[in-house]
Amino acid sequence: MNKIDPRPFKPFISLMLIVVTLLGVVFLQMEERRLGYSLLKLRREHKAVLDEKRNQEIQLAKITRPQLLESMAQSHFTLKKISANQIIHLSGEGVRTVMGTENRP
């Protein structure tokens, strides 16, 4: 039977092992760079979302401040400021206004 002598193939096998190892290293470096770019993109998107959230919170705070709500109520809905005699306190004794007069039903 013919047996193949592996000695002539040892340099070729060593060379192939080196080439495969180098290609693996190059692939890993490319993958690391690709992931770095993906991470950079995600960080930018995260920062943009946080900025948008902060801007919306500021806008909500401006819209809901009491002075603006009061002026909108007076201009759009014709609401007026209350006077002292419009406040009615309900208690067990009966109806009493702020002025101090009691009205018993």
PDB file of N, CA and C in Angstrom:
ATOM      1  N   MET A   1       0.806  -1.167   0.000  1.00  0.00           N
ATOM      2  CA  MET A   1       0.000   0.000   0.000  1.00  0.00           C
ATOM      3  C   MET A   1       0.862   1.248   0.000  1.00  0.00           C
ATOM      4  N   ASN A   2       0.408   2.230  -0.721  1.00  0.00           N
ATOM      5  CA  ASN A   2       1.159   3.481  -0.779  1.00  0.00           C
ATOM      6  C   ASN A   2       0.770   4.384   0.370  1.00  0.00           C
ATOM      7  N   LYS A   3       1.717   4.766   1.112  1.00  0.00           N
ATOM      8  CA  LYS A   3       1.487   5.686   2.211  1.00  0.00           C
ATOM      9  C   LYS A   3       2.072   7.031   1.800  1.00  0.00           C
ATOM     10  N   ILE A   4       1.287   8.115   2.014  1.00  0.00           N
ATOM     11  CA  ILE A   4       1.744   9.457   1.623  1.00  0.00           C
ATOM     12  C   ILE A   4       2.590  10.006   2.752  1.00  0.00           C
ATOM     13  N   ASP A   5       3.726  10.507   2.354  1.00  0.00           N
ATOM     14  CA  ASP A   5       4.653  11.095   3.322  1.00  0.00           C
ATOM     15  C   ASP A   5       4.186  12.519   3.640  1.00  0.00           C
ATOM     16  N   PRO A   6       3.846  12.860   4.936  1.00  0.00           N
ATOM     17  CA  PRO A   6       3.328  14.187   5.282  1.00  0.00           C
ATOM     18  C   PRO A   6       4.398  15.272   5.367  1.00  0.00           C
ATOM     19  N   ARG A   7       5.656  14.900   5.331  1.00  0.00           N
ATOM     20  CA  ARG A   7       6.701  15.916   5.488  1.00  0.00           C
ATOM     21  C   ARG A   7       6.682  16.982   4.388  1.00  0.00           C
ATOM     22  N   PRO A   8       6.452  16.666   3.146  1.00  0.00           N
ATOM     23  CA  PRO A   8       6.436  17.744   2.146  1.00  0.00           C
ATOM     24  C   PRO A   8       5.252  18.707   2.326  1.00  0.00           C
ATOM     25  N   PHE A   9       4.188  18.265   3.000  1.00  0.00           N
ATOM     26  CA  PHE A   9       3.000  19.117   3.172  1.00  0.00           C
ATOM     27  C   PHE A   9       3.055  19.975   4.434  1.00  0.00           C
ATOM     28  N   LYS A  10       4.009  19.711   5.305  1.00  0.00           N
ATOM     29  CA  LYS A  10       4.088  20.464   6.563  1.00  0.00           C
ATOM     30  C   LYS A  10       4.276  21.961   6.334  1.00  0.00           C
ATOM     31  N   PRO A  11       5.136  22.412   5.436  1.00  0.00           N
ATOM     32  CA  PRO A  11       5.241  23.868   5.210  1.00  0.00           C
ATOM     33  C   PRO A  11       3.938  24.454   4.672  1.00  0.00           C
ATOM     34  N   PHE A  12       3.266  23.743   3.793  1.00  0.00           N
ATOM     35  CA  PHE A  12       1.997  24.217   3.244  1.00  0.00           C
ATOM     36  C   PHE A  12       0.932  24.308   4.343  1.00  0.00           C
ATOM     37  N   ILE A  13       0.860  23.306   5.196  1.00  0.00           N
ATOM     38  CA  ILE A  13      -0.103  23.313   6.307  1.00  0.00           C
ATOM     39  C   ILE A  13       0.229  24.442   7.284  1.00  0.00           C
ATOM     40  N   SER A  14       1.486  24.656   7.569  1.00  0.00           N
ATOM     41  CA  SER A  14       1.879  25.755   8.462  1.00  0.00           C
ATOM     42  C   SER A  14       1.518  27.099   7.850  1.00  0.00           C
ATOM     43  N   LEU A  15       1.774  27.246   6.558  1.00  0.00           N
ATOM     44  CA  LEU A  15       1.451  28.486   5.864  1.00  0.00           C
ATOM     45  C   LEU A  15      -0.064  28.718   5.863  1.00  0.00           C
ATOM     46  N   MET A  16      -0.849  27.691   5.629  1.00  0.00           N
ATOM     47  CA  MET A  16      -2.305  27.816   5.645  1.00  0.00           C
ATOM     48  C   MET A  16      -2.810  28.187   7.053  1.00  0.00           C
ATOM     49  N   LEU A  17      -2.202  27.602   8.055  1.00  0.00           N
ATOM     50  CA  LEU A  17      -2.572  27.923   9.430  1.00  0.00           C
ATOM     51  C   LEU A  17      -2.278  29.391   9.736  1.00  0.00           C
ATOM     52  N   ILE A  18      -1.148  29.896   9.292  1.00  0.00           N
ATOM     53  CA  ILE A  18      -0.782  31.301   9.500  1.00  0.00           C
ATOM     54  C   ILE A  18      -1.753  32.216   8.748  1.00  0.00           C
ATOM     55  N   VAL A  19      -2.067  31.873   7.507  1.00  0.00           N
ATOM     56  CA  VAL A  19      -2.977  32.698   6.703  1.00  0.00           C
ATOM     57  C   VAL A  19      -4.370  32.729   7.341  1.00  0.00           C
ATOM     58  N   VAL A  20      -4.862  31.570   7.754  1.00  0.00           N
ATOM     59  CA  VAL A  20      -6.182  31.519   8.393  1.00  0.00           C
ATOM     60  C   VAL A  20      -6.178  32.325   9.689  1.00  0.00           C
ATOM     61  N   THR A  21      -5.115  32.257  10.466  1.00  0.00           N
ATOM     62  CA  THR A  21      -5.014  33.025  11.707  1.00  0.00           C
ATOM     63  C   THR A  21      -5.013  34.521  11.418  1.00  0.00           C
ATOM     64  N   LEU A  22      -4.246  34.950  10.422  1.00  0.00           N
ATOM     65  CA  LEU A  22      -4.205  36.372  10.067  1.00  0.00           C
ATOM     66  C   LEU A  22      -5.553  36.857   9.538  1.00  0.00           C
ATOM     67  N   LEU A  23      -6.217  36.045   8.728  1.00  0.00           N
ATOM     68  CA  LEU A  23      -7.543  36.429   8.243  1.00  0.00           C
ATOM     69  C   LEU A  23      -8.537  36.530   9.406  1.00  0.00           C
ATOM     70  N   GLY A  24      -8.411  35.650  10.373  1.00  0.00           N
ATOM     71  CA  GLY A  24      -9.266  35.725  11.554  1.00  0.00           C
ATOM     72  C   GLY A  24      -9.035  37.004  12.346  1.00  0.00           C
ATOM     73  N   VAL A  25      -7.762  37.389  12.489  1.00  0.00           N
ATOM     74  CA  VAL A  25      -7.431  38.622  13.206  1.00  0.00           C
ATOM     75  C   VAL A  25      -7.985  39.835  12.460  1.00  0.00           C
ATOM     76  N   VAL A  26      -7.834  39.841  11.133  1.00  0.00           N
ATOM     77  CA  VAL A  26      -8.350  40.954  10.328  1.00  0.00           C
ATOM     78  C   VAL A  26      -9.874  41.026  10.449  1.00  0.00           C
ATOM     79  N   PHE A  27     -10.536  39.873  10.382  1.00  0.00           N
ATOM     80  CA  PHE A  27     -11.992  39.851  10.521  1.00  0.00           C
ATOM     81  C   PHE A  27     -12.420  40.400  11.878  1.00  0.00           C
ATOM     82  N   LEU A  28     -11.743  40.000  12.938  1.00  0.00           N
ATOM     83  CA  LEU A  28     -12.093  40.482  14.278  1.00  0.00           C
ATOM     84  C   LEU A  28     -11.880  41.982  14.411  1.00  0.00           C
ATOM     85  N   GLN A  29     -10.815  42.497  13.801  1.00  0.00           N
ATOM     86  CA  GLN A  29     -10.584  43.948  13.853  1.00  0.00           C
ATOM     87  C   GLN A  29     -11.667  44.700  13.080  1.00  0.00           C
ATOM     88  N   MET A  30     -12.065  44.165  11.934  1.00  0.00           N
ATOM     89  CA  MET A  30     -13.134  44.812  11.157  1.00  0.00           C
ATOM     90  C   MET A  30     -14.457  44.774  11.928  1.00  0.00           C
ATOM     91  N   GLU A  31     -14.721  43.664  12.570  1.00  0.00           N
ATOM     92  CA  GLU A  31     -15.953  43.535  13.355  1.00  0.00           C
ATOM     93  C   GLU A  31     -15.939  44.499  14.540  1.00  0.00           C
ATOM     94  N   GLU A  32     -14.788  44.650  15.164  1.00  0.00           N
ATOM     95  CA  GLU A  32     -14.656  45.601  16.272  1.00  0.00           C
ATOM     96  C   GLU A  32     -14.912  47.026  15.790  1.00  0.00           C
ATOM     97  N   ARG A  33     -14.396  47.381  14.647  1.00  0.00           N
ATOM     98  CA  ARG A  33     -14.603  48.727  14.105  1.00  0.00           C
ATOM     99  C   ARG A  33     -16.071  48.933  13.736  1.00  0.00           C
ATOM    100  N   ARG A  34     -16.697  47.923  13.142  1.00  0.00           N
ATOM    101  CA  ARG A  34     -18.106  48.027  12.774  1.00  0.00           C
ATOM    102  C   ARG A  34     -18.978  48.218  14.014  1.00  0.00           C
ATOM    103  N   LEU A  35     -18.694  47.467  15.055  1.00  0.00           N
ATOM    104  CA  LEU A  35     -19.450  47.618  16.301  1.00  0.00           C
ATOM    105  C   LEU A  35     -19.212  48.977  16.939  1.00  0.00           C
ATOM    106  N   GLY A  36     -17.987  49.490  16.812  1.00  0.00           N
ATOM    107  CA  GLY A  36     -17.691  50.824  17.327  1.00  0.00           C
ATOM    108  C   GLY A  36     -18.517  51.892  16.633  1.00  0.00           C
ATOM    109  N   TYR A  37     -18.653  51.772  15.296  1.00  0.00           N
ATOM    110  CA  TYR A  37     -19.476  52.727  14.550  1.00  0.00           C
ATOM    111  C   TYR A  37     -20.951  52.595  14.924  1.00  0.00           C
ATOM    112  N   SER A  38     -21.399  51.371  15.121  1.00  0.00           N
ATOM    113  CA  SER A  38     -22.792  51.167  15.541  1.00  0.00           C
ATOM    114  C   SER A  38     -23.036  51.796  16.904  1.00  0.00           C
ATOM    115  N   LEU A  39     -22.097  51.615  17.806  1.00  0.00           N
ATOM    116  CA  LEU A  39     -22.218  52.194  19.144  1.00  0.00           C
ATOM    117  C   LEU A  39     -22.220  53.720  19.074  1.00  0.00           C
ATOM    118  N   LEU A  40     -21.374  54.281  18.231  1.00  0.00           N
ATOM    119  CA  LEU A  40     -21.343  55.736  18.066  1.00  0.00           C
ATOM    120  C   LEU A  40     -22.682  56.248  17.546  1.00  0.00           C
ATOM    121  N   LYS A  41     -23.257  55.553  16.578  1.00  0.00           N
ATOM    122  CA  LYS A  41     -24.551  55.955  16.027  1.00  0.00           C
ATOM    123  C   LYS A  41     -25.639  55.881  17.093  1.00  0.00           C
ATOM    124  N   LEU A  42     -25.635  54.809  17.891  1.00  0.00           N
ATOM    125  CA  LEU A  42     -26.639  54.667  18.951  1.00  0.00           C
ATOM    126  C   LEU A  42     -26.485  55.744  20.015  1.00  0.00           C
ATOM    127  N   ARG A  43     -25.258  56.108  20.330  1.00  0.00           N
ATOM    128  CA  ARG A  43     -25.041  57.184  21.314  1.00  0.00           C
ATOM    129  C   ARG A  43     -25.588  58.509  20.804  1.00  0.00           C
ATOM    130  N   ARG A  44     -25.382  58.779  19.514  1.00  0.00           N
ATOM    131  CA  ARG A  44     -25.914  60.015  18.935  1.00  0.00           C
ATOM    132  C   ARG A  44     -27.435  60.019  18.963  1.00  0.00           C
ATOM    133  N   GLU A  45     -28.040  58.891  18.611  1.00  0.00           N
ATOM    134  CA  GLU A  45     -29.496  58.796  18.640  1.00  0.00           C
ATOM    135  C   GLU A  45     -30.016  58.960  20.062  1.00  0.00           C
ATOM    136  N   HIS A  46     -29.336  58.368  21.029  1.00  0.00           N
ATOM    137  CA  HIS A  46     -29.746  58.482  22.434  1.00  0.00           C
ATOM    138  C   HIS A  46     -29.673  59.934  22.894  1.00  0.00           C
ATOM    139  N   LYS A  47     -28.610  60.617  22.511  1.00  0.00           N
ATOM    140  CA  LYS A  47     -28.471  62.024  22.890  1.00  0.00           C
ATOM    141  C   LYS A  47     -29.575  62.859  22.250  1.00  0.00           C
ATOM    142  N   ALA A  48     -29.902  62.568  20.986  1.00  0.00           N
ATOM    143  CA  ALA A  48     -30.966  63.307  20.308  1.00  0.00           C
ATOM    144  C   ALA A  48     -32.313  63.069  20.992  1.00  0.00           C
ATOM    145  N   VAL A  49     -32.567  61.844  21.408  1.00  0.00           N
ATOM    146  CA  VAL A  49     -33.824  61.539  22.101  1.00  0.00           C
ATOM    147  C   VAL A  49     -33.872  62.256  23.445  1.00  0.00           C
ATOM    148  N   LEU A  50     -32.769  62.267  24.170  1.00  0.00           N
ATOM    149  CA  LEU A  50     -32.744  62.975  25.456  1.00  0.00           C
ATOM    150  C   LEU A  50     -32.956  64.474  25.264  1.00  0.00           C
ATOM    151  N   ASP A  51     -32.347  65.057  24.224  1.00  0.00           N
ATOM    152  CA  ASP A  51     -32.550  66.483  23.943  1.00  0.00           C
ATOM    153  C   ASP A  51     -34.013  66.763  23.606  1.00  0.00           C
ATOM    154  N   GLU A  52     -34.615  65.890  22.813  1.00  0.00           N
ATOM    155  CA  GLU A  52     -36.016  66.074  22.448  1.00  0.00           C
ATOM    156  C   GLU A  52     -36.911  65.973  23.685  1.00  0.00           C
ATOM    157  N   LYS A  53     -36.612  65.024  24.555  1.00  0.00           N
ATOM    158  CA  LYS A  53     -37.390  64.875  25.796  1.00  0.00           C
ATOM    159  C   LYS A  53     -37.260  66.120  26.660  1.00  0.00           C
ATOM    160  N   ARG A  54     -36.040  66.627  26.792  1.00  0.00           N
ATOM    161  CA  ARG A  54     -35.825  67.831  27.597  1.00  0.00           C
ATOM    162  C   ARG A  54     -36.575  69.026  26.993  1.00  0.00           C
ATOM    163  N   ASN A  55     -36.543  69.152  25.668  1.00  0.00           N
ATOM    164  CA  ASN A  55     -37.255  70.251  25.026  1.00  0.00           C
ATOM    165  C   ASN A  55     -38.761  70.134  25.238  1.00  0.00           C
ATOM    166  N   GLN A  56     -39.289  68.925  25.184  1.00  0.00           N
ATOM    167  CA  GLN A  56     -40.720  68.739  25.406  1.00  0.00           C
ATOM    168  C   GLN A  56     -41.100  69.035  26.852  1.00  0.00           C
ATOM    169  N   GLU A  57     -40.236  68.670  27.802  1.00  0.00           N
ATOM    170  CA  GLU A  57     -40.513  68.989  29.204  1.00  0.00           C
ATOM    171  C   GLU A  57     -40.512  70.498  29.424  1.00  0.00           C
ATOM    172  N   ILE A  58     -39.580  71.198  28.796  1.00  0.00           N
ATOM    173  CA  ILE A  58     -39.529  72.660  28.915  1.00  0.00           C
ATOM    174  C   ILE A  58     -40.776  73.274  28.296  1.00  0.00           C
ATOM    175  N   GLN A  59     -41.168  72.759  27.138  1.00  0.00           N
ATOM    176  CA  GLN A  59     -42.359  73.270  26.463  1.00  0.00           C
ATOM    177  C   GLN A  59     -43.607  73.029  27.311  1.00  0.00           C
ATOM    178  N   LEU A  60     -43.703  71.862  27.932  1.00  0.00           N
ATOM    179  CA  LEU A  60     -44.843  71.563  28.802  1.00  0.00           C
ATOM    180  C   LEU A  60     -44.859  72.498  30.007  1.00  0.00           C
ATOM    181  N   ALA A  61     -43.688  72.757  30.570  1.00  0.00           N
ATOM    182  CA  ALA A  61     -43.616  73.666  31.717  1.00  0.00           C
ATOM    183  C   ALA A  61     -44.057  75.075  31.324  1.00  0.00           C
ATOM    184  N   LYS A  62     -43.683  75.509  30.119  1.00  0.00           N
ATOM    185  CA  LYS A  62     -44.096  76.838  29.663  1.00  0.00           C
ATOM    186  C   LYS A  62     -45.599  76.897  29.426  1.00  0.00           C
ATOM    187  N   ILE A  63     -46.135  75.837  28.854  1.00  0.00           N
ATOM    188  CA  ILE A  63     -47.562  75.830  28.524  1.00  0.00           C
ATOM    189  C   ILE A  63     -48.423  75.786  29.776  1.00  0.00           C
ATOM    190  N   THR A  64     -47.991  75.061  30.777  1.00  0.00           N
ATOM    191  CA  THR A  64     -48.834  74.862  31.962  1.00  0.00           C
ATOM    192  C   THR A  64     -48.529  75.817  33.111  1.00  0.00           C
ATOM    193  N   ARG A  65     -47.757  76.844  32.885  1.00  0.00           N
ATOM    194  CA  ARG A  65     -47.501  77.766  33.992  1.00  0.00           C
ATOM    195  C   ARG A  65     -48.780  78.553  34.299  1.00  0.00           C
ATOM    196  N   PRO A  66     -48.993  78.862  35.550  1.00  0.00           N
ATOM    197  CA  PRO A  66     -50.272  79.444  35.994  1.00  0.00           C
ATOM    198  C   PRO A  66     -50.624  80.767  35.314  1.00  0.00           C
ATOM    199  N   GLN A  67     -49.660  81.629  35.076  1.00  0.00           N
ATOM    200  CA  GLN A  67     -49.956  82.923  34.460  1.00  0.00           C
ATOM    201  C   GLN A  67     -50.523  82.746  33.052  1.00  0.00           C
ATOM    202  N   LEU A  68     -49.956  81.820  32.299  1.00  0.00           N
ATOM    203  CA  LEU A  68     -50.434  81.588  30.938  1.00  0.00           C
ATOM    204  C   LEU A  68     -51.829  80.982  30.963  1.00  0.00           C
ATOM    205  N   LEU A  69     -52.050  80.034  31.855  1.00  0.00           N
ATOM    206  CA  LEU A  69     -53.377  79.425  31.946  1.00  0.00           C
ATOM    207  C   LEU A  69     -54.433  80.454  32.344  1.00  0.00           C
ATOM    208  N   GLU A  70     -54.072  81.320  33.273  1.00  0.00           N
ATOM    209  CA  GLU A  70     -55.019  82.349  33.712  1.00  0.00           C
ATOM    210  C   GLU A  70     -55.340  83.318  32.574  1.00  0.00           C
ATOM    211  N   SER A  71     -54.324  83.751  31.846  1.00  0.00           N
ATOM    212  CA  SER A  71     -54.567  84.686  30.741  1.00  0.00           C
ATOM    213  C   SER A  71     -55.374  84.023  29.627  1.00  0.00           C
ATOM    214  N   MET A  72     -55.121  82.740  29.356  1.00  0.00           N
ATOM    215  CA  MET A  72     -55.905  82.032  28.332  1.00  0.00           C
ATOM    216  C   MET A  72     -57.351  81.875  28.787  1.00  0.00           C
ATOM    217  N   ALA A  73     -57.557  81.607  30.070  1.00  0.00           N
ATOM    218  CA  ALA A  73     -58.913  81.445  30.599  1.00  0.00           C
ATOM    219  C   ALA A  73     -59.682  82.756  30.494  1.00  0.00           C
ATOM    220  N   GLN A  74     -59.007  83.858  30.738  1.00  0.00           N
ATOM    221  CA  GLN A  74     -59.681  85.149  30.679  1.00  0.00           C
ATOM    222  C   GLN A  74     -59.924  85.587  29.238  1.00  0.00           C
ATOM    223  N   SER A  75     -59.003  85.299  28.336  1.00  0.00           N
ATOM    224  CA  SER A  75     -59.171  85.783  26.959  1.00  0.00           C
ATOM    225  C   SER A  75     -60.028  84.841  26.110  1.00  0.00           C
ATOM    226  N   HIS A  76     -59.856  83.553  26.236  1.00  0.00           N
ATOM    227  CA  HIS A  76     -60.567  82.616  25.366  1.00  0.00           C
ATOM    228  C   HIS A  76     -61.911  82.159  25.940  1.00  0.00           C
ATOM    229  N   PHE A  77     -62.006  82.050  27.245  1.00  0.00           N
ATOM    230  CA  PHE A  77     -63.199  81.497  27.851  1.00  0.00           C
ATOM    231  C   PHE A  77     -63.990  82.524  28.651  1.00  0.00           C
ATOM    232  N   THR A  78     -63.618  83.767  28.577  1.00  0.00           N
ATOM    233  CA  THR A  78     -64.275  84.883  29.275  1.00  0.00           C
ATOM    234  C   THR A  78     -64.479  84.600  30.758  1.00  0.00           C
ATOM    235  N   LEU A  79     -63.503  84.041  31.379  1.00  0.00           N
ATOM    236  CA  LEU A  79     -63.545  83.833  32.820  1.00  0.00           C
ATOM    237  C   LEU A  79     -62.993  85.071  33.510  1.00  0.00           C
ATOM    238  N   LYS A  80     -63.535  85.348  34.688  1.00  0.00           N
ATOM    239  CA  LYS A  80     -63.084  86.518  35.440  1.00  0.00           C
ATOM    240  C   LYS A  80     -62.519  86.047  36.762  1.00  0.00           C
ATOM    241  N   LYS A  81     -61.740  86.924  37.389  1.00  0.00           N
ATOM    242  CA  LYS A  81     -61.228  86.602  38.721  1.00  0.00           C
ATOM    243  C   LYS A  81     -62.384  86.601  39.697  1.00  0.00           C
ATOM    244  N   ILE A  82     -62.237  85.738  40.703  1.00  0.00           N
ATOM    245  CA  ILE A  82     -63.327  85.639  41.674  1.00  0.00           C
ATOM    246  C   ILE A  82     -63.274  86.807  42.652  1.00  0.00           C
ATOM    247  N   SER A  83     -64.432  87.159  43.145  1.00  0.00           N
ATOM    248  CA  SER A  83     -64.477  88.186  44.191  1.00  0.00           C
ATOM    249  C   SER A  83     -64.748  87.478  45.512  1.00  0.00           C
ATOM    250  N   ALA A  84     -64.567  88.200  46.590  1.00  0.00           N
ATOM    251  CA  ALA A  84     -64.654  87.599  47.924  1.00  0.00           C
ATOM    252  C   ALA A  84     -66.053  87.081  48.226  1.00  0.00           C
ATOM    253  N   ASN A  85     -67.084  87.731  47.703  1.00  0.00           N
ATOM    254  CA  ASN A  85     -68.438  87.288  48.030  1.00  0.00           C
ATOM    255  C   ASN A  85     -68.877  86.091  47.179  1.00  0.00           C
ATOM    256  N   GLN A  86     -68.047  85.637  46.259  1.00  0.00           N
ATOM    257  CA  GLN A  86     -68.399  84.471  45.466  1.00  0.00           C
ATOM    258  C   GLN A  86     -67.952  83.166  46.129  1.00  0.00           C
ATOM    259  N   ILE A  87     -67.106  83.256  47.124  1.00  0.00           N
ATOM    260  CA  ILE A  87     -66.600  82.059  47.780  1.00  0.00           C
ATOM    261  C   ILE A  87     -67.592  81.613  48.838  1.00  0.00           C
ATOM    262  N   ILE A  88     -67.981  80.372  48.752  1.00  0.00           N
ATOM    263  CA  ILE A  88     -68.959  79.824  49.689  1.00  0.00           C
ATOM    264  C   ILE A  88     -68.315  78.653  50.409  1.00  0.00           C
ATOM    265  N   HIS A  89     -68.400  78.679  51.755  1.00  0.00           N
ATOM    266  CA  HIS A  89     -67.878  77.579  52.557  1.00  0.00           C
ATOM    267  C   HIS A  89     -69.059  76.755  53.040  1.00  0.00           C
ATOM    268  N   LEU A  90     -68.961  75.463  52.843  1.00  0.00           N
ATOM    269  CA  LEU A  90     -70.015  74.576  53.334  1.00  0.00           C
ATOM    270  C   LEU A  90     -69.523  73.926  54.609  1.00  0.00           C
ATOM    271  N   SER A  91     -70.317  74.037  55.653  1.00  0.00           N
ATOM    272  CA  SER A  91     -69.952  73.411  56.918  1.00  0.00           C
ATOM    273  C   SER A  91     -71.205  72.792  57.522  1.00  0.00           C
ATOM    274  N   GLY A  92     -71.055  72.179  58.659  1.00  0.00           N
ATOM    275  CA  GLY A  92     -72.195  71.550  59.322  1.00  0.00           C
ATOM    276  C   GLY A  92     -73.214  72.557  59.832  1.00  0.00           C
ATOM    277  N   GLU A  93     -72.807  73.793  60.061  1.00  0.00           N
ATOM    278  CA  GLU A  93     -73.696  74.820  60.599  1.00  0.00           C
ATOM    279  C   GLU A  93     -74.605  75.390  59.532  1.00  0.00           C
ATOM    280  N   GLY A  94     -74.197  75.310  58.301  1.00  0.00           N
ATOM    281  CA  GLY A  94     -74.975  75.896  57.219  1.00  0.00           C
ATOM    282  C   GLY A  94     -74.030  76.492  56.203  1.00  0.00           C
ATOM    283  N   VAL A  95     -74.559  77.286  55.332  1.00  0.00           N
ATOM    284  CA  VAL A  95     -73.770  77.917  54.297  1.00  0.00           C
ATOM    285  C   VAL A  95     -73.257  79.241  54.815  1.00  0.00           C
ATOM    286  N   ARG A  96     -71.988  79.488  54.667  1.00  0.00           N
ATOM    287  CA  ARG A  96     -71.386  80.705  55.185  1.00  0.00           C
ATOM    288  C   ARG A  96     -70.473  81.259  54.099  1.00  0.00           C
ATOM    289  N   THR A  97     -70.560  82.519  53.785  1.00  0.00           N
ATOM    290  CA  THR A  97     -69.667  83.140  52.810  1.00  0.00           C
ATOM    291  C   THR A  97     -68.452  83.678  53.533  1.00  0.00           C
ATOM    292  N   VAL A  98     -67.510  84.126  52.765  1.00  0.00           N
ATOM    293  CA  VAL A  98     -66.270  84.637  53.332  1.00  0.00           C
ATOM    294  C   VAL A  98     -66.519  85.911  54.118  1.00  0.00           C
ATOM    295  N   MET A  99     -67.499  86.688  53.738  1.00  0.00           N
ATOM    296  CA  MET A  99     -67.755  87.960  54.400  1.00  0.00           C
ATOM    297  C   MET A  99     -68.247  87.774  55.824  1.00  0.00           C
ATOM    298  N   GLY A 100     -68.677  86.572  56.143  1.00  0.00           N
ATOM    299  CA  GLY A 100     -69.080  86.318  57.524  1.00  0.00           C
ATOM    300  C   GLY A 100     -70.570  86.235  57.722  1.00  0.00           C
ATOM    301  N   THR A 101     -71.362  86.461  56.721  1.00  0.00           N
ATOM    302  CA  THR A 101     -72.804  86.374  56.891  1.00  0.00           C
ATOM    303  C   THR A 101     -73.224  84.940  56.722  1.00  0.00           C
ATOM    304  N   GLU A 102     -74.142  84.508  57.580  1.00  0.00           N
ATOM    305  CA  GLU A 102     -74.604  83.134  57.524  1.00  0.00           C
ATOM    306  C   GLU A 102     -75.969  83.092  56.892  1.00  0.00           C
ATOM    307  N   ASN A 103     -76.130  82.132  56.031  1.00  0.00           N
ATOM    308  CA  ASN A 103     -77.437  81.898  55.421  1.00  0.00           C
ATOM    309  C   ASN A 103     -77.857  80.489  55.826  1.00  0.00           C
ATOM    310  N   ARG A 104     -78.953  80.425  56.540  1.00  0.00           N
ATOM    311  CA  ARG A 104     -79.441  79.112  56.948  1.00  0.00           C
ATOM    312  C   ARG A 104     -80.636  78.770  56.083  1.00  0.00           C
ATOM    313  N   PRO A 105     -80.627  77.577  55.555  1.00  0.00           N
ATOM    314  CA  PRO A 105     -81.764  77.176  54.708  1.00  0.00           C
ATOM    315  C   PRO A 105     -83.017  76.887  55.465  1.00  0.00           C
TER     316      PRO A 105
END
